[in-house]
Amino acid sequence: MWKLRIAMASRGKTKAEEPEAPDPLIAMARGLAEIVAEHNLSELILDTKEVTLTVRRGGIAAPIAQQVAFAPPPVLHAAPPPAAAAAPAAPAAADDDKAHYVTSPFVGTFYRRPNPDSQNYVSVHDKVDRGQVLCIVEAMKLMNEIEADVAGTITAILVEDGAPVEYGQRLFKIVA
């Protein structure tokens, strides 16, 4: 749902209703709404001496004096593939029962080594001890060492070196 706030600076008031005749201000707002949709923006604010226009798509609207609703652009959804075409799920490997995943404690950038000239902390098939450093996740210019929380063998490294990671994203698979 589209939300539009129109504040008239010259009068110090907001418009009470959309006028009967086409208003250039409303036409401008509709044009801005098209820009928001075209560029997939969540909010666009136009602030001039005469007027402040805020066009917001979705979400919760801020408390405002007037809101004019615009219909959102149509959303096209791809049809899901037929159930018969879906590949059957692979049987779980026996080592998955004992698998443990080390996850990222925050959003940042994943690094497998302390600096570009060093060796990787760990590789696939390495045996690791609890507390051993596995990688670094850089967050807000801070290098945070991520340690193994179980002892075992690294069976998979699930993130590419230098890739961005999300909170809770799996980084390593360790089998005890």
C-alpha atoms as a PDB file:
ATOM      1  CA  MET A   1       0.000   0.000   0.000  1.00  0.00           C
ATOM      2  CA  TRP A   2       1.271   3.457  -0.863  1.00  0.00           C
ATOM      3  CA  LYS A   3       1.292   6.237   1.703  1.00  0.00           C
ATOM      4  CA  LEU A   4       1.735   9.875   0.754  1.00  0.00           C
ATOM      5  CA  ARG A   5       2.245  12.816   3.057  1.00  0.00           C
ATOM      6  CA  ILE A   6       1.793  16.321   1.689  1.00  0.00           C
ATOM      7  CA  ALA A   7       2.762  19.190   3.977  1.00  0.00           C
ATOM      8  CA  MET A   8       2.195  22.716   2.736  1.00  0.00           C
ATOM      9  CA  ALA A   9       4.971  24.892   4.142  1.00  0.00           C
ATOM     10  CA  SER A  10       3.463  28.158   2.948  1.00  0.00           C
ATOM     11  CA  ARG A  11       0.260  27.593   4.940  1.00  0.00           C
ATOM     12  CA  GLY A  12       1.810  25.542   7.726  1.00  0.00           C
ATOM     13  CA  LYS A  13      -1.023  23.026   7.303  1.00  0.00           C
ATOM     14  CA  THR A  14      -1.557  19.771   5.515  1.00  0.00           C
ATOM     15  CA  LYS A  15      -4.147  19.340   2.813  1.00  0.00           C
ATOM     16  CA  ALA A  16      -7.408  17.970   4.181  1.00  0.00           C
ATOM     17  CA  GLU A  17      -8.596  16.158   1.058  1.00  0.00           C
ATOM     18  CA  GLU A  18      -7.599  15.551  -2.527  1.00  0.00           C
ATOM     19  CA  PRO A  19      -9.234  18.312  -4.592  1.00  0.00           C
ATOM     20  CA  GLU A  20     -11.881  17.630  -7.241  1.00  0.00           C
ATOM     21  CA  ALA A  21      -9.807  19.193 -10.069  1.00  0.00           C
ATOM     22  CA  PRO A  22      -6.419  17.661 -10.954  1.00  0.00           C
ATOM     23  CA  ASP A  23      -3.830  19.301  -8.746  1.00  0.00           C
ATOM     24  CA  PRO A  24      -0.247  19.572 -10.073  1.00  0.00           C
ATOM     25  CA  LEU A  25       0.966  18.582  -6.621  1.00  0.00           C
ATOM     26  CA  ILE A  26      -1.012  15.330  -6.759  1.00  0.00           C
ATOM     27  CA  ALA A  27       0.284  14.701 -10.300  1.00  0.00           C
ATOM     28  CA  MET A  28       3.830  15.225  -9.012  1.00  0.00           C
ATOM     29  CA  ALA A  29       3.183  12.811  -6.145  1.00  0.00           C
ATOM     30  CA  ARG A  30       1.916  10.162  -8.536  1.00  0.00           C
ATOM     31  CA  GLY A  31       5.036  10.628 -10.665  1.00  0.00           C
ATOM     32  CA  LEU A  32       7.200  10.195  -7.576  1.00  0.00           C
ATOM     33  CA  ALA A  33       5.245   7.049  -6.701  1.00  0.00           C
ATOM     34  CA  GLU A  34       6.107   5.674 -10.150  1.00  0.00           C
ATOM     35  CA  ILE A  35       9.798   6.415  -9.513  1.00  0.00           C
ATOM     36  CA  VAL A  36       9.612   4.620  -6.162  1.00  0.00           C
ATOM     37  CA  ALA A  37       8.077   1.575  -7.853  1.00  0.00           C
ATOM     38  CA  GLU A  38      10.450   1.647 -10.832  1.00  0.00           C
ATOM     39  CA  HIS A  39      13.576   1.744  -8.646  1.00  0.00           C
ATOM     40  CA  ASN A  40      12.165  -0.537  -5.917  1.00  0.00           C
ATOM     41  CA  LEU A  41      12.580   2.143  -3.231  1.00  0.00           C
ATOM     42  CA  SER A  42      10.831   2.014   0.135  1.00  0.00           C
ATOM     43  CA  GLU A  43      10.604   5.801   0.602  1.00  0.00           C
ATOM     44  CA  LEU A  44      11.209   8.990  -1.366  1.00  0.00           C
ATOM     45  CA  ILE A  45      11.124  12.474   0.161  1.00  0.00           C
ATOM     46  CA  LEU A  46      10.985  15.653  -1.917  1.00  0.00           C
ATOM     47  CA  ASP A  47      11.562  18.736   0.220  1.00  0.00           C
ATOM     48  CA  THR A  48      11.314  22.232  -1.274  1.00  0.00           C
ATOM     49  CA  LYS A  49      10.548  25.691   0.147  1.00  0.00           C
ATOM     50  CA  GLU A  50       6.895  25.338  -0.813  1.00  0.00           C
ATOM     51  CA  VAL A  51       6.127  21.682  -0.101  1.00  0.00           C
ATOM     52  CA  THR A  52       7.416  18.459   1.429  1.00  0.00           C
ATOM     53  CA  LEU A  53       6.302  15.245  -0.282  1.00  0.00           C
ATOM     54  CA  THR A  54       6.965  11.849   1.278  1.00  0.00           C
ATOM     55  CA  VAL A  55       6.073   8.785  -0.772  1.00  0.00           C
ATOM     56  CA  ARG A  56       6.382   5.558   1.216  1.00  0.00           C
ATOM     57  CA  ARG A  57       5.704   2.035  -0.023  1.00  0.00           C
ATOM     58  CA  GLY A  58       4.589  -0.702   2.419  1.00  0.00           C
ATOM     59  CA  GLY A  59       5.551  -0.804   6.072  1.00  0.00           C
ATOM     60  CA  ILE A  60       4.027   1.211   8.870  1.00  0.00           C
ATOM     61  CA  ALA A  61       3.213   4.801   8.098  1.00  0.00           C
ATOM     62  CA  ALA A  62       4.441   7.552  10.375  1.00  0.00           C
ATOM     63  CA  PRO A  63       1.732   9.537  12.134  1.00  0.00           C
ATOM     64  CA  ILE A  64       0.750  12.190   9.613  1.00  0.00           C
ATOM     65  CA  ALA A  65      -2.127  14.532   9.062  1.00  0.00           C
ATOM     66  CA  GLN A  66      -3.094  13.303   5.587  1.00  0.00           C
ATOM     67  CA  GLN A  67      -2.560  10.102   3.683  1.00  0.00           C
ATOM     68  CA  VAL A  68      -3.580   9.479   0.106  1.00  0.00           C
ATOM     69  CA  ALA A  69      -3.538   5.798  -0.827  1.00  0.00           C
ATOM     70  CA  PHE A  70      -2.115   4.722  -4.179  1.00  0.00           C
ATOM     71  CA  ALA A  71      -2.426   1.199  -5.527  1.00  0.00           C
ATOM     72  CA  PRO A  72       0.909  -0.636  -5.543  1.00  0.00           C
ATOM     73  CA  PRO A  73       2.280  -1.851  -8.854  1.00  0.00           C
ATOM     74  CA  PRO A  74       1.267  -5.387  -9.804  1.00  0.00           C
ATOM     75  CA  VAL A  75       3.568  -8.085  -8.483  1.00  0.00           C
ATOM     76  CA  LEU A  76       4.391 -10.912 -10.834  1.00  0.00           C
ATOM     77  CA  HIS A  77       4.972 -14.303  -9.226  1.00  0.00           C
ATOM     78  CA  ALA A  78       6.555 -17.225 -11.006  1.00  0.00           C
ATOM     79  CA  ALA A  79       4.550 -20.403 -10.809  1.00  0.00           C
ATOM     80  CA  PRO A  80       6.167 -23.065  -8.641  1.00  0.00           C
ATOM     81  CA  PRO A  81       7.525 -26.042 -10.543  1.00  0.00           C
ATOM     82  CA  PRO A  82       5.208 -29.034 -10.736  1.00  0.00           C
ATOM     83  CA  ALA A  83       5.633 -31.513  -7.886  1.00  0.00           C
ATOM     84  CA  ALA A  84       6.447 -34.332 -10.309  1.00  0.00           C
ATOM     85  CA  ALA A  85       9.404 -32.364 -11.724  1.00  0.00           C
ATOM     86  CA  ALA A  86      10.960 -31.793  -8.306  1.00  0.00           C
ATOM     87  CA  ALA A  87      14.045 -33.873  -7.642  1.00  0.00           C
ATOM     88  CA  PRO A  88      13.719 -36.400  -4.830  1.00  0.00           C
ATOM     89  CA  ALA A  89      15.534 -35.451  -1.657  1.00  0.00           C
ATOM     90  CA  ALA A  90      18.902 -37.114  -1.272  1.00  0.00           C
ATOM     91  CA  PRO A  91      19.167 -39.457   1.697  1.00  0.00           C
ATOM     92  CA  ALA A  92      20.979 -37.922   4.647  1.00  0.00           C
ATOM     93  CA  ALA A  93      24.565 -39.024   4.988  1.00  0.00           C
ATOM     94  CA  ALA A  94      25.445 -41.021   8.078  1.00  0.00           C
ATOM     95  CA  ASP A  95      27.929 -38.371   9.229  1.00  0.00           C
ATOM     96  CA  ASP A  96      25.163 -35.688   9.200  1.00  0.00           C
ATOM     97  CA  ASP A  97      23.844 -37.190  12.445  1.00  0.00           C
ATOM     98  CA  LYS A  98      27.095 -36.165  14.104  1.00  0.00           C
ATOM     99  CA  ALA A  99      27.592 -32.946  12.124  1.00  0.00           C
ATOM    100  CA  HIS A 100      27.901 -29.619  13.891  1.00  0.00           C
ATOM    101  CA  TYR A 101      27.764 -26.264  12.116  1.00  0.00           C
ATOM    102  CA  VAL A 102      29.796 -23.243  13.207  1.00  0.00           C
ATOM    103  CA  THR A 103      27.742 -20.131  12.443  1.00  0.00           C
ATOM    104  CA  SER A 104      28.553 -16.454  12.156  1.00  0.00           C
ATOM    105  CA  PRO A 105      27.761 -14.537  15.359  1.00  0.00           C
ATOM    106  CA  PHE A 106      27.176 -11.319  13.372  1.00  0.00           C
ATOM    107  CA  VAL A 107      27.064  -9.697   9.940  1.00  0.00           C
ATOM    108  CA  GLY A 108      30.442  -9.081   8.356  1.00  0.00           C
ATOM    109  CA  THR A 109      33.046 -10.311   5.875  1.00  0.00           C
ATOM    110  CA  PHE A 110      34.445 -13.857   6.106  1.00  0.00           C
ATOM    111  CA  TYR A 111      38.221 -14.378   5.899  1.00  0.00           C
ATOM    112  CA  ARG A 112      39.971 -17.760   6.040  1.00  0.00           C
ATOM    113  CA  ARG A 113      43.351 -16.319   7.049  1.00  0.00           C
ATOM    114  CA  PRO A 114      44.639 -13.538   9.319  1.00  0.00           C
ATOM    115  CA  ASN A 115      46.230 -11.578   6.446  1.00  0.00           C
ATOM    116  CA  PRO A 116      46.778 -12.028   2.701  1.00  0.00           C
ATOM    117  CA  ASP A 117      50.346 -13.360   3.185  1.00  0.00           C
ATOM    118  CA  SER A 118      49.382 -16.047   5.740  1.00  0.00           C
ATOM    119  CA  GLN A 119      48.153 -19.610   5.411  1.00  0.00           C
ATOM    120  CA  ASN A 120      44.455 -20.434   5.937  1.00  0.00           C
ATOM    121  CA  TYR A 121      43.502 -21.152   9.535  1.00  0.00           C
ATOM    122  CA  VAL A 122      41.937 -24.490   8.554  1.00  0.00           C
ATOM    123  CA  SER A 123      41.146 -26.556   5.470  1.00  0.00           C
ATOM    124  CA  VAL A 124      38.719 -29.362   4.705  1.00  0.00           C
ATOM    125  CA  HIS A 125      39.720 -32.644   6.447  1.00  0.00           C
ATOM    126  CA  ASP A 126      41.711 -30.800   9.169  1.00  0.00           C
ATOM    127  CA  LYS A 127      41.179 -31.993  12.722  1.00  0.00           C
ATOM    128  CA  VAL A 128      40.315 -29.107  15.058  1.00  0.00           C
ATOM    129  CA  ASP A 129      40.101 -28.740  18.815  1.00  0.00           C
ATOM    130  CA  ARG A 130      37.494 -26.843  20.766  1.00  0.00           C
ATOM    131  CA  GLY A 131      38.592 -23.183  20.944  1.00  0.00           C
ATOM    132  CA  GLN A 132      40.812 -23.355  17.852  1.00  0.00           C
ATOM    133  CA  VAL A 133      40.506 -20.323  15.543  1.00  0.00           C
ATOM    134  CA  LEU A 134      38.764 -21.249  12.284  1.00  0.00           C
ATOM    135  CA  CYS A 135      38.413 -17.882  10.544  1.00  0.00           C
ATOM    136  CA  ILE A 136      37.915 -14.150  10.971  1.00  0.00           C
ATOM    137  CA  VAL A 137      34.684 -12.236  10.467  1.00  0.00           C
ATOM    138  CA  GLU A 138      35.320  -8.535   9.952  1.00  0.00           C
ATOM    139  CA  ALA A 139      32.545  -6.338  11.289  1.00  0.00           C
ATOM    140  CA  MET A 140      32.771  -2.541  11.415  1.00  0.00           C
ATOM    141  CA  LYS A 141      36.559  -2.599  10.846  1.00  0.00           C
ATOM    142  CA  LEU A 142      37.061  -5.064  13.731  1.00  0.00           C
ATOM    143  CA  MET A 143      38.616  -8.460  13.045  1.00  0.00           C
ATOM    144  CA  ASN A 144      36.772 -11.061  15.142  1.00  0.00           C
ATOM    145  CA  GLU A 145      38.248 -14.540  15.453  1.00  0.00           C
ATOM    146  CA  ILE A 146      35.680 -17.330  15.201  1.00  0.00           C
ATOM    147  CA  GLU A 147      36.611 -20.426  17.196  1.00  0.00           C
ATOM    148  CA  ALA A 148      35.480 -24.032  16.964  1.00  0.00           C
ATOM    149  CA  ASP A 149      32.922 -24.780  19.658  1.00  0.00           C
ATOM    150  CA  VAL A 150      33.408 -28.552  19.266  1.00  0.00           C
ATOM    151  CA  ALA A 151      36.363 -30.815  18.495  1.00  0.00           C
ATOM    152  CA  GLY A 152      36.255 -32.826  15.281  1.00  0.00           C
ATOM    153  CA  THR A 153      37.096 -32.829  11.580  1.00  0.00           C
ATOM    154  CA  ILE A 154      36.250 -30.034   9.150  1.00  0.00           C
ATOM    155  CA  THR A 155      34.143 -31.688   6.434  1.00  0.00           C
ATOM    156  CA  ALA A 156      33.035 -28.538   4.628  1.00  0.00           C
ATOM    157  CA  ILE A 157      33.822 -24.827   4.433  1.00  0.00           C
ATOM    158  CA  LEU A 158      30.519 -23.276   3.438  1.00  0.00           C
ATOM    159  CA  VAL A 159      31.608 -19.700   2.608  1.00  0.00           C
ATOM    160  CA  GLU A 160      34.049 -18.311   0.054  1.00  0.00           C
ATOM    161  CA  ASP A 161      36.993 -16.280   1.334  1.00  0.00           C
ATOM    162  CA  GLY A 162      36.145 -12.556   1.311  1.00  0.00           C
ATOM    163  CA  ALA A 163      32.396 -13.147   1.010  1.00  0.00           C
ATOM    164  CA  PRO A 164      29.828 -11.256   3.097  1.00  0.00           C
ATOM    165  CA  VAL A 165      28.082 -13.312   5.796  1.00  0.00           C
ATOM    166  CA  GLU A 166      24.849 -12.836   7.729  1.00  0.00           C
ATOM    167  CA  TYR A 167      24.061 -13.433  11.381  1.00  0.00           C
ATOM    168  CA  GLY A 168      23.535 -17.154  11.938  1.00  0.00           C
ATOM    169  CA  GLN A 169      24.883 -18.158   8.520  1.00  0.00           C
ATOM    170  CA  ARG A 170      26.673 -21.519   8.509  1.00  0.00           C
ATOM    171  CA  LEU A 171      30.434 -21.190   8.011  1.00  0.00           C
ATOM    172  CA  PHE A 172      31.908 -24.645   8.729  1.00  0.00           C
ATOM    173  CA  LYS A 173      30.635 -28.206   9.043  1.00  0.00           C
ATOM    174  CA  ILE A 174      32.468 -30.208  11.702  1.00  0.00           C
ATOM    175  CA  VAL A 175      31.954 -33.924  12.355  1.00  0.00           C
ATOM    176  CA  ALA A 176      32.954 -35.158  15.799  1.00  0.00           C
END
